[in-house]
Protein backbone atom coordinates (compact mmCIF):
# COMPACT_ATOMS: atom_id res chain seq x y z
CA UNK A 1 4.12 27.06 24.69
CA UNK A 2 3.01 23.62 25.88
CA UNK A 3 5.89 21.38 26.84
CA UNK A 4 6.46 18.83 24.04
CA UNK A 5 5.36 15.31 24.79
CA UNK A 6 8.20 14.02 22.64
CA UNK A 7 11.47 15.63 21.55
CA UNK A 8 14.18 14.23 19.32
CA UNK A 9 17.42 16.17 19.53
CA UNK A 10 20.17 15.81 16.93
CA UNK A 11 19.41 12.16 16.20
CA UNK A 12 21.94 10.33 14.05
CA UNK A 13 21.87 6.70 12.97
CA UNK A 14 24.73 5.08 11.12
CA UNK A 15 24.86 1.54 9.78
CA UNK A 16 28.03 0.12 8.23
CA UNK A 17 28.62 2.33 5.19
CA UNK A 18 25.26 4.12 5.46
CA UNK A 19 24.21 7.20 7.40
CA UNK A 20 20.45 6.61 7.68
CA UNK A 21 19.65 9.68 9.81
CA UNK A 22 21.55 12.96 9.92
CA UNK A 23 21.08 15.35 12.86
CA UNK A 24 17.27 15.06 12.99
CA UNK A 25 15.49 17.23 15.57
CA UNK A 26 11.72 17.43 15.97
CA UNK A 27 9.07 17.75 18.66
CA UNK A 28 5.40 16.90 19.00
CA UNK A 29 3.07 18.37 21.62
CA UNK A 30 0.07 16.76 23.36
CA UNK A 31 -2.99 17.02 21.12
CA UNK A 32 -0.92 17.75 18.01
CA UNK A 33 -1.06 15.85 14.72
CA UNK A 34 2.40 15.91 13.17
CA UNK A 35 2.58 14.78 9.53
CA UNK A 36 5.84 12.99 8.73
CA UNK A 37 6.52 12.59 5.02
CA UNK A 38 9.36 11.60 2.73
CA UNK A 39 10.16 9.24 -0.10
CA UNK A 40 10.89 5.58 0.57
CA UNK A 41 14.41 5.45 1.97
CA UNK A 42 14.19 8.98 3.42
CA UNK A 43 14.71 7.67 6.98
CA UNK A 44 11.12 7.53 8.30
CA UNK A 45 11.26 3.82 9.17
CA UNK A 46 14.60 4.19 10.95
CA UNK A 47 13.21 7.08 12.99
CA UNK A 48 10.16 5.00 13.97
CA UNK A 49 12.38 2.05 14.99
CA UNK A 50 14.30 4.39 17.28
CA UNK A 51 11.07 5.62 18.88
CA UNK A 52 9.83 2.05 19.28
CA UNK A 53 13.04 0.95 20.98
CA UNK A 54 13.89 -1.50 18.21
CA UNK A 55 17.20 0.22 17.39
CA UNK A 56 19.30 2.76 19.30
CA UNK A 57 20.46 6.04 17.76
CA UNK A 58 24.17 6.47 17.09
CA UNK A 59 23.99 9.98 18.55
CA UNK A 60 21.44 12.39 19.96
CA UNK A 61 18.84 12.35 22.75
CA UNK A 62 15.18 11.44 23.14
CA UNK A 63 13.03 13.31 25.66
CA UNK A 64 9.57 12.06 26.65
CA UNK A 65 7.55 14.29 28.96
CA UNK A 66 10.73 16.22 29.73
CA UNK A 67 12.68 13.08 30.78
CA UNK A 68 15.89 12.56 28.79
CA UNK A 69 16.94 9.19 27.34
CA UNK A 70 19.98 8.34 25.20
CA UNK A 71 17.86 5.56 23.69
CA UNK A 72 14.73 3.55 24.41
CA UNK A 73 14.02 -0.14 24.84
CA UNK A 74 10.76 -1.61 23.54
CA UNK A 75 9.49 -1.85 27.14
CA UNK A 76 10.41 1.78 27.83
CA UNK A 77 8.68 2.92 24.65
CA UNK A 78 5.46 1.10 25.56
CA UNK A 79 5.75 2.30 29.16
CA UNK A 80 6.05 5.89 27.95
CA UNK A 81 2.71 5.53 26.17
CA UNK A 82 3.98 5.21 22.58
CA UNK A 83 1.85 2.98 20.35
CA UNK A 84 2.32 2.06 16.69
CA UNK A 85 -0.05 1.36 13.84
CA UNK A 86 2.18 -0.37 11.32
CA UNK A 87 1.62 -0.52 7.59
CA UNK A 88 2.81 -4.13 7.60
CA UNK A 89 0.19 -6.13 9.44
CA UNK A 90 1.29 -7.84 12.67
CA UNK A 91 -1.65 -10.14 13.30
CA UNK A 92 -2.11 -13.82 14.15
CA UNK A 93 -4.58 -15.19 11.64
CA UNK A 94 -5.27 -18.31 13.75
CA UNK A 95 -6.78 -16.09 16.49
CA UNK A 96 -9.89 -13.92 16.57
CA UNK A 97 -9.98 -10.11 16.58
CA UNK A 98 -10.25 -9.74 20.37
CA UNK A 99 -7.32 -12.09 21.05
CA UNK A 100 -5.15 -10.10 18.64
CA UNK A 101 -5.97 -6.78 20.27
CA UNK A 102 -4.97 -7.91 23.77
CA UNK A 103 -2.30 -10.48 22.91
CA UNK A 104 -0.06 -10.80 25.99
CA UNK A 105 -2.40 -8.54 28.00
CA UNK A 106 -5.47 -10.78 28.22
CA UNK A 107 -7.81 -10.42 31.23
CA UNK A 108 -7.85 -13.64 33.23
CA UNK A 109 -10.21 -15.31 35.67
CA UNK A 110 -9.11 -16.08 39.23
CA UNK A 111 -7.90 -19.49 40.24
CA UNK A 112 -4.67 -21.42 39.82
CA UNK A 113 -5.07 -21.94 36.05
CA UNK A 114 -5.55 -18.23 35.30
CA UNK A 115 -7.69 -18.91 32.23
CA UNK A 116 -8.44 -16.11 29.79
CA UNK A 117 -11.68 -14.32 30.65
CA UNK A 118 -13.33 -14.37 27.21
CA UNK A 119 -16.42 -12.32 28.16
CA UNK A 120 -14.20 -9.60 29.67
CA UNK A 121 -11.98 -9.68 26.58
CA UNK A 122 -14.98 -9.20 24.28
CA UNK A 123 -16.36 -6.45 26.52
CA UNK A 124 -13.11 -4.48 26.25
CA UNK A 125 -12.71 -4.86 22.49
CA UNK A 126 -16.30 -4.31 21.31
CA UNK A 127 -16.47 -0.57 22.21
CA UNK A 128 -13.18 0.01 20.35
CA UNK A 129 -14.53 -1.74 17.25
CA UNK A 130 -17.70 0.35 17.47
CA UNK A 131 -15.67 3.54 17.86
CA UNK A 132 -14.04 2.87 14.49
CA UNK A 133 -17.27 1.61 12.93
CA UNK A 134 -15.72 -1.78 12.13
CA UNK A 135 -17.98 -4.20 10.25
CA UNK A 136 -16.75 -7.28 12.13
CA UNK A 137 -17.04 -8.47 15.73
CA UNK A 138 -14.61 -9.30 18.52
CA UNK A 139 -15.13 -13.02 17.79
CA UNK A 140 -14.38 -12.81 14.04
CA UNK A 141 -11.30 -14.90 13.10
CA UNK A 142 -8.55 -12.77 11.58
CA UNK A 143 -8.27 -15.33 8.77
CA UNK A 144 -11.75 -14.22 7.67
CA UNK A 145 -10.87 -10.50 7.53
CA UNK A 146 -9.94 -8.54 4.41
CA UNK A 147 -6.71 -6.53 4.26
CA UNK A 148 -8.72 -3.36 4.94
CA UNK A 149 -10.36 -4.93 7.99
CA UNK A 150 -6.97 -6.10 9.27
CA UNK A 151 -5.70 -2.52 8.95
CA UNK A 152 -8.62 -1.31 11.08
CA UNK A 153 -7.81 -4.00 13.65
CA UNK A 154 -4.22 -2.71 13.88
CA UNK A 155 -5.65 0.70 14.74
CA UNK A 156 -7.91 -0.86 17.39
CA UNK A 157 -4.80 -2.46 18.95
CA UNK A 158 -3.16 0.96 19.31
CA UNK A 159 -6.32 2.50 20.80
CA UNK A 160 -6.46 -0.32 23.37
CA UNK A 161 -3.14 0.82 24.87
CA UNK A 162 -4.49 4.22 26.03
CA UNK A 163 -1.44 5.69 24.36
CA UNK A 164 -0.23 9.28 24.82
CA UNK A 165 1.46 9.20 21.41
CA UNK A 166 0.26 7.09 18.48
CA UNK A 167 2.49 6.71 15.45
CA UNK A 168 0.43 5.79 12.38
CA UNK A 169 2.53 4.45 9.52
CA UNK A 170 0.45 4.44 6.30
CA UNK A 171 -2.72 3.61 8.29
CA UNK A 172 -5.05 4.09 5.31
CA UNK A 173 -3.07 2.19 2.66
CA UNK A 174 -5.72 -0.54 2.46
CA UNK A 175 -8.82 1.43 3.47
CA UNK A 176 -11.78 2.53 1.39
CA UNK A 177 -12.69 6.21 1.15
CA UNK A 178 -15.42 5.72 3.79
CA UNK A 179 -13.03 3.89 6.14
CA UNK A 180 -10.37 6.55 5.58
CA UNK A 181 -12.80 9.34 6.48
CA UNK A 182 -13.80 7.39 9.59
CA UNK A 183 -10.14 7.04 10.60
CA UNK A 184 -9.49 10.76 10.08
CA UNK A 185 -12.49 11.46 12.34
CA UNK A 186 -10.92 9.18 14.99
CA UNK A 187 -7.63 11.08 14.62
CA UNK A 188 -9.52 14.33 15.26
CA UNK A 189 -11.18 12.79 18.36
CA UNK A 190 -7.83 11.63 19.72
CA UNK A 191 -6.35 15.06 19.08
CA UNK A 192 -9.16 16.70 21.08
CA UNK A 193 -8.50 14.21 23.88
CA UNK A 194 -4.87 15.40 24.08
CA UNK A 195 -3.29 12.41 22.34
CA UNK A 196 -0.34 13.27 20.10
CA UNK A 197 -0.30 11.67 16.63
CA UNK A 198 2.59 11.20 14.22
CA UNK A 199 0.83 10.52 10.90
CA UNK A 200 2.97 9.03 8.13
CA UNK A 201 1.32 8.77 4.72
CA UNK A 202 2.12 8.91 1.02
CA UNK A 203 -1.45 10.13 0.45
CA UNK A 204 -0.74 13.81 0.79
CA UNK A 205 -4.42 14.79 0.72
CA UNK A 206 -4.79 13.01 4.07
CA UNK A 207 -1.84 14.95 5.49
CA UNK A 208 -3.51 18.16 4.34
CA UNK A 209 -6.77 17.08 5.98
CA UNK A 210 -5.45 16.15 9.43
CA UNK A 211 -1.99 17.60 10.17
CA UNK A 212 -1.29 20.65 12.31
CA UNK A 213 2.33 20.63 11.15
CA UNK A 214 4.37 18.67 8.62
CA UNK A 215 8.00 17.59 8.90
CA UNK A 216 9.76 16.46 5.71
CA UNK A 217 12.67 14.02 5.56
CA UNK A 218 14.91 13.56 2.53
CA UNK A 219 17.99 11.33 2.40
CA UNK A 220 17.99 10.97 6.20
CA UNK A 221 17.91 14.71 6.93
CA UNK A 222 15.10 17.04 7.89
CA UNK A 223 14.71 19.40 4.95
CA UNK A 224 11.77 21.49 6.04
CA UNK A 225 8.74 22.09 8.25
CA UNK A 226 5.35 23.32 7.04
CA UNK A 227 2.93 24.95 9.46
CA UNK A 228 -0.86 24.80 9.13
CA UNK A 229 -1.26 27.56 6.55
CA UNK A 230 1.64 26.25 4.43
CA UNK A 231 0.55 22.60 4.10
CA UNK A 232 -0.19 22.25 0.39
CA UNK A 233 0.27 19.38 -2.00
CA UNK A 234 2.83 21.14 -4.21
CA UNK A 235 4.85 22.46 -1.24
CA UNK A 236 5.08 18.97 0.29
CA UNK A 237 6.17 17.34 -2.98
CA UNK A 238 8.80 20.03 -3.62
CA UNK A 239 10.38 19.40 -0.20
CA UNK A 240 10.13 15.61 -0.48
CA UNK A 241 11.79 15.15 -3.85
CA UNK A 242 13.55 18.48 -4.35
CA UNK A 243 11.65 19.28 -7.54
CA UNK A 244 8.16 19.81 -8.92
CA UNK A 245 6.31 16.82 -10.34
CA UNK A 246 4.63 16.97 -13.71
CA UNK A 247 0.90 16.43 -13.98
CA UNK A 248 -0.04 12.79 -13.35
CA UNK A 249 -1.64 12.35 -16.77
CA UNK A 250 0.49 11.75 -19.82
CA UNK A 251 -1.51 11.42 -23.05
CA UNK A 252 -0.95 8.27 -25.11
CA UNK A 253 1.44 8.44 -28.07
CA UNK A 254 -1.34 7.28 -30.41
CA UNK A 255 -5.02 6.31 -30.25
CA UNK A 256 -5.79 2.87 -28.77
CA UNK A 257 -5.79 -0.12 -31.09
CA UNK A 258 -8.02 -3.17 -31.34
CA UNK A 259 -8.95 -5.18 -28.27
CA UNK A 260 -6.00 -7.19 -26.97
CA UNK A 261 -8.51 -9.13 -24.89
CA UNK A 262 -12.33 -9.14 -24.77
CA UNK A 263 -14.23 -9.96 -21.60
CA UNK A 264 -17.51 -11.49 -22.81
CA UNK A 265 -20.18 -12.06 -20.15
CA UNK A 266 -17.40 -12.87 -17.68
CA UNK A 267 -18.67 -13.48 -14.15
CA UNK A 268 -16.80 -14.35 -10.95
CA UNK A 269 -17.90 -16.83 -8.31
CA UNK A 270 -18.24 -13.88 -5.91
CA UNK A 271 -20.84 -12.27 -8.21
CA UNK A 272 -22.06 -15.07 -10.50
CA UNK A 273 -25.13 -13.14 -11.66
CA UNK A 274 -23.16 -9.98 -12.60
CA UNK A 275 -21.47 -10.65 -15.97
CA UNK A 276 -18.88 -8.18 -17.27
CA UNK A 277 -18.48 -7.43 -20.97
CA UNK A 278 -15.78 -4.98 -22.06
CA UNK A 279 -12.66 -4.80 -24.23
CA UNK A 280 -9.12 -4.27 -22.96
CA UNK A 281 -7.69 -2.24 -25.82
CA UNK A 282 -4.06 -2.30 -26.94
CA UNK A 283 -2.24 0.93 -26.11
CA UNK A 284 -4.74 2.09 -23.46
CA UNK A 285 -4.64 2.46 -19.68
CA UNK A 286 -8.11 1.44 -18.53
CA UNK A 287 -8.68 2.34 -14.89
CA UNK A 288 -10.97 0.04 -12.91
CA UNK A 289 -12.52 2.06 -10.09
CA UNK A 290 -14.91 1.14 -7.31
CA UNK A 291 -15.04 0.64 -3.58
CA UNK A 292 -13.22 -2.23 -1.87
CA UNK A 293 -15.48 -5.27 -2.14
CA UNK A 294 -16.85 -4.23 -5.54
CA UNK A 295 -15.33 -7.32 -7.17
CA UNK A 296 -12.36 -5.78 -9.00
CA UNK A 297 -9.66 -8.10 -7.63
CA UNK A 298 -11.94 -11.11 -8.13
CA UNK A 299 -12.27 -10.13 -11.81
CA UNK A 300 -8.48 -9.80 -12.11
CA UNK A 301 -8.02 -13.28 -10.60
CA UNK A 302 -10.33 -14.79 -13.24
CA UNK A 303 -8.56 -12.96 -16.09
CA UNK A 304 -5.20 -14.26 -14.81
CA UNK A 305 -6.48 -17.83 -14.48
CA UNK A 306 -6.25 -18.06 -10.68
CA UNK A 307 -10.00 -18.63 -10.28
CA UNK A 308 -12.37 -20.22 -12.79
CA UNK A 309 -15.13 -18.01 -14.20
CA UNK A 310 -18.68 -18.62 -13.04
CA UNK A 311 -19.85 -17.74 -16.56
CA UNK A 312 -18.65 -16.17 -19.78
CA UNK A 313 -15.37 -16.28 -21.59
CA UNK A 314 -12.23 -14.41 -22.62
CA UNK A 315 -11.81 -13.81 -26.32
CA UNK A 316 -8.89 -12.74 -28.51
CA UNK A 317 -9.18 -12.04 -32.21
CA UNK A 318 -12.66 -13.53 -32.27
CA UNK A 319 -11.45 -16.80 -30.70
CA UNK A 320 -12.34 -17.95 -27.19
CA UNK A 321 -9.34 -18.65 -24.97
CA UNK A 322 -9.49 -20.87 -21.90
CA UNK A 323 -7.23 -20.10 -18.95
CA UNK A 324 -7.23 -22.99 -16.49
CA UNK A 325 -4.27 -21.61 -14.51
CA UNK A 326 -1.88 -18.64 -14.27
CA UNK A 327 0.53 -20.70 -16.40
CA UNK A 328 -2.03 -20.55 -19.25
CA UNK A 329 -2.41 -16.79 -18.75
CA UNK A 330 1.36 -16.29 -18.84
CA UNK A 331 1.61 -18.31 -22.07
CA UNK A 332 -1.12 -16.03 -23.49
CA UNK A 333 0.86 -12.90 -22.52
CA UNK A 334 -1.54 -11.90 -19.70
CA UNK A 335 0.32 -10.85 -16.56
CA UNK A 336 -0.73 -9.67 -13.09
CA UNK A 337 1.05 -7.38 -10.61
CA UNK A 338 -0.99 -8.34 -7.52
CA UNK A 339 -2.35 -6.08 -4.76
CA UNK A 340 -0.26 -7.77 -2.06
CA UNK A 341 3.13 -7.88 -3.77
CA UNK A 342 4.88 -9.24 -0.65
CA UNK A 343 2.59 -12.26 -0.28
CA UNK A 344 1.69 -12.98 -3.91
CA UNK A 345 4.17 -11.21 -6.19
CA UNK A 346 7.60 -11.84 -4.70
CA UNK A 347 9.70 -14.29 -2.73
CA UNK A 348 11.15 -11.80 -0.27
CA UNK A 349 14.01 -14.01 0.95
CA UNK A 350 15.27 -14.57 -2.61
CA UNK A 351 17.57 -12.16 -4.46
CA UNK A 352 16.35 -9.76 -7.12
CA UNK A 353 17.71 -11.97 -9.91
CA UNK A 354 15.70 -15.03 -8.79
CA UNK A 355 12.49 -13.03 -8.53
CA UNK A 356 12.87 -11.50 -11.99
CA UNK A 357 13.48 -14.88 -13.65
CA UNK A 358 10.79 -16.70 -11.65
CA UNK A 359 8.05 -16.73 -14.31
CA UNK A 360 10.38 -17.52 -17.23
CA UNK A 361 12.97 -19.98 -15.87
CA UNK A 362 13.12 -22.15 -19.03
CA UNK A 363 14.60 -19.15 -20.89
CA UNK A 364 17.65 -19.25 -18.61
CA UNK A 365 18.19 -23.02 -18.65
CA UNK A 366 20.76 -24.96 -20.61
CA UNK A 367 20.15 -28.73 -20.89
CA UNK A 368 17.64 -28.48 -18.06
CA UNK A 369 20.04 -26.64 -15.73
CA UNK A 370 19.65 -23.01 -14.74
CA UNK A 371 22.36 -20.73 -16.11
CA UNK A 372 23.14 -18.35 -13.26
CA UNK A 373 25.04 -16.08 -15.64
CA UNK A 374 22.06 -15.76 -18.02
CA UNK A 375 19.68 -15.17 -15.11
CA UNK A 376 21.97 -12.52 -13.66
CA UNK A 377 22.50 -10.78 -17.02
CA UNK A 378 18.75 -10.53 -17.62
CA UNK A 379 18.09 -9.24 -14.10
CA UNK A 380 20.87 -6.67 -14.38
CA UNK A 381 19.34 -5.34 -17.61
CA UNK A 382 15.98 -4.95 -15.84
CA UNK A 383 17.62 -3.34 -12.79
CA UNK A 384 19.19 -0.67 -14.99
CA UNK A 385 16.14 -0.18 -17.20
CA UNK A 386 13.72 0.18 -14.26
CA UNK A 387 16.23 2.05 -12.07
CA UNK A 388 15.85 -0.41 -9.19
CA UNK A 389 17.82 1.04 -6.29
CA UNK A 390 20.00 -1.83 -5.10
CA UNK A 391 23.76 -2.46 -5.10
CA UNK A 392 23.34 -5.49 -7.38
CA UNK A 393 20.85 -8.18 -8.37
CA UNK A 394 22.11 -10.48 -5.59
CA UNK A 395 20.44 -8.16 -3.05
CA UNK A 396 17.67 -9.82 -1.03
CA UNK A 397 14.33 -8.51 -2.36
CA UNK A 398 12.82 -8.11 1.12
CA UNK A 399 15.35 -5.38 1.96
CA UNK A 400 14.11 -3.09 -0.84
CA UNK A 401 11.65 -0.21 -0.43
CA UNK A 402 8.06 -0.69 -1.57
CA UNK A 403 8.61 1.17 -4.83
CA UNK A 404 11.66 -0.90 -5.71
CA UNK A 405 9.89 -4.14 -4.82
CA UNK A 406 7.11 -3.16 -7.22
CA UNK A 407 9.73 -2.57 -9.92
CA UNK A 408 11.05 -6.10 -9.34
CA UNK A 409 7.50 -7.43 -9.90
CA UNK A 410 7.38 -5.45 -13.14
CA UNK A 411 10.84 -6.64 -14.15
CA UNK A 412 9.61 -10.23 -13.88
CA UNK A 413 6.99 -9.55 -16.57
CA UNK A 414 8.75 -6.96 -18.73
CA UNK A 415 11.54 -9.37 -19.61
CA UNK A 416 8.86 -11.46 -21.32
CA UNK A 417 6.31 -10.29 -23.93
CA UNK A 418 3.21 -8.79 -22.25
CA UNK A 419 0.03 -8.37 -24.26
CA UNK A 420 -2.21 -7.52 -21.29
CA UNK A 421 -0.88 -6.20 -17.98
CA UNK A 422 -3.10 -6.03 -14.89
CA UNK A 423 -1.94 -3.73 -12.10
CA UNK A 424 -3.88 -4.29 -8.85
CA UNK A 425 -3.26 -1.29 -6.52
CA UNK A 426 0.08 -0.59 -8.26
CA UNK A 427 1.33 2.13 -5.89
CA UNK A 428 0.00 0.97 -2.53
CA UNK A 429 2.49 2.11 0.14
CA UNK A 430 4.78 3.80 -2.42
CA UNK A 431 6.07 7.37 -2.17
CA UNK A 432 5.18 10.09 -4.67
CA UNK A 433 8.52 10.03 -6.47
CA UNK A 434 8.34 6.27 -7.06
CA UNK A 435 4.66 6.57 -8.01
CA UNK A 436 5.65 8.94 -10.79
CA UNK A 437 8.15 6.36 -12.09
CA UNK A 438 5.55 3.55 -11.97
CA UNK A 439 3.07 5.72 -13.91
CA UNK A 440 5.73 6.47 -16.52
CA UNK A 441 6.44 2.74 -16.88
CA UNK A 442 2.73 2.04 -17.34
CA UNK A 443 2.46 4.68 -20.05
CA UNK A 444 5.58 3.37 -21.79
CA UNK A 445 4.08 -0.14 -21.79
CA UNK A 446 0.80 1.16 -23.22
CA UNK A 447 2.68 3.07 -25.91
CA UNK A 448 4.34 -0.24 -26.86
CA UNK A 449 0.84 -1.60 -27.55
CA UNK A 450 0.22 -3.38 -24.25
CA UNK A 451 -3.33 -3.24 -22.85
CA UNK A 452 -3.17 -1.96 -19.25
CA UNK A 453 -5.91 -2.68 -16.70
CA UNK A 454 -5.23 -0.63 -13.55
CA UNK A 455 -7.24 -1.39 -10.41
CA UNK A 456 -6.92 1.38 -7.84
CA UNK A 457 -8.74 2.64 -4.76
CA UNK A 458 -6.78 5.92 -4.92
CA UNK A 459 -9.16 8.39 -6.57
CA UNK A 460 -6.35 10.77 -7.55
CA UNK A 461 -4.57 7.87 -9.25
CA UNK A 462 -7.65 6.60 -11.09
CA UNK A 463 -8.48 10.04 -12.46
CA UNK A 464 -4.91 11.18 -12.98
CA UNK A 465 -3.48 8.18 -14.86
CA UNK A 466 -6.28 6.49 -16.83
CA UNK A 467 -7.28 7.09 -20.44
CA UNK A 468 -10.75 5.78 -19.57
CA UNK A 469 -12.27 4.49 -16.32
CA UNK A 470 -14.69 1.58 -15.89
CA UNK A 471 -16.37 1.58 -12.48
CA UNK A 472 -17.60 -1.51 -10.64
CA UNK A 473 -20.31 -1.91 -8.01
CA UNK A 474 -21.22 -5.30 -6.54
CA UNK A 475 -19.55 -7.19 -9.38
CA UNK A 476 -21.11 -5.23 -12.26
CA UNK A 477 -19.72 -2.45 -14.46
CA UNK A 478 -21.99 0.51 -13.66
CA UNK A 479 -20.45 2.77 -16.28
CA UNK A 480 -17.40 3.66 -18.35
CA UNK A 481 -16.12 7.25 -18.28
CA UNK A 482 -14.13 8.78 -21.11
CA UNK A 483 -11.17 11.01 -20.28
CA UNK A 484 -13.19 14.24 -20.63
CA UNK A 485 -15.89 12.88 -18.27
CA UNK A 486 -13.60 12.02 -15.39
CA UNK A 487 -14.20 13.62 -12.01
CA UNK A 488 -14.25 12.39 -8.43
CA UNK A 489 -18.02 12.94 -8.26
CA UNK A 490 -18.63 10.98 -11.48
CA UNK A 491 -16.53 8.01 -10.33
CA UNK A 492 -18.10 7.95 -6.85
CA UNK A 493 -21.63 8.13 -8.26
CA UNK A 494 -20.96 4.98 -10.27
CA UNK A 495 -19.04 3.32 -7.42
CA UNK A 496 -22.07 3.46 -5.13
CA UNK A 497 -24.30 2.00 -7.82
CA UNK A 498 -25.95 5.07 -9.32
CA UNK A 499 -26.55 5.07 -13.05
CA UNK A 500 -24.24 7.05 -15.35
CA UNK A 501 -25.58 10.38 -16.62
């Protein structure tokens, strides 16, 4: 057997009052793709911090290329050829793509000033961008890139290090299907070149597609390993959460009602000549499918009053309603759980209680002063109802897992009176167990008569959760599929602009 490139032996990590890792041992060989899966809070992030030299293990050993280490520093980790592709973007948006890739490692020209050699920098980065098929150049400012493009740039950064081991943490969470397939092809190329990959993803179909072996963490402990012939969706879920999950789709309690909101010739400034007309019906989960860039988020921003419409109107009960701001939308009972919950849905440094009361502060005020007791009582009720995993509502929101942060976003709206709820990529970066809880919450809302509009790039989610699916292409609705018409092929055909059959 080939000597492992990396070995972790009996790794423990204890924080005050918490044992984050319990006797974890694993190995990865050169040219092997090791899938690492587990629910949020299973210990994956702690394990990655240990490998990156950010934290030291409380016990155990790390061996790289046969050389033993009690722990690693960041410099030692980089020096050993370990590179990371993080889910959370670590980019400087005031710099261009090339500068971000080689930050701190820029080629310089001779002379006393040692100025950055821009042509050399571009020459090094351009082949890496081409290798991934990126649709931007080395000179493109990061501020002009989409989230998906930024994710691709993070991968380019890792490739630029000529790493022996690349750890990819949710590398496809913001990528389209085409970009995901391109990344999986790059993973296969790296594997053939002898590079070891640790691939962390909540999208289990990707693990099935690329992993040679899968290691499963649960509650800080390694609970199982699946070899190539054993890597199946149901087997991975059973190990991750200790039980089988029900089918994604739960039928509605009753047929949908009248339209809670009508979109009538509504056009966005991104696609001003592509008006959208469709009802959002009470008691229904309407999936909004399409490729990234199709205009789905832009439509959500208009419905929530963030952006003005280029044309058309919103109508309720036969009456036009004008939303000049999100405040107007909130007063109308239209709420948005945004795609980037960290940047747009939460104040991460504030406690849970402050985030939950943020949109409805007047309800918790007495004589113009905030009642901390009322705010706390409301937040505690939401914490219990939504099963937010936190010691109390004074916990800083930024310390929560992705799934629990999403529940805080929901808690902010559920304590009010939603009529229309827009979920933009509701389970991005969330584990399968928490996804199941989010889906159940969406169905419960719909059964209360709320109209749900769910925007998702996850095909399994679109097909598995929606009562109907409307599909967008270049700002227009190319078709609406009823539940009995849903299939991946049918959605993709409409997503690329083909007519419905």
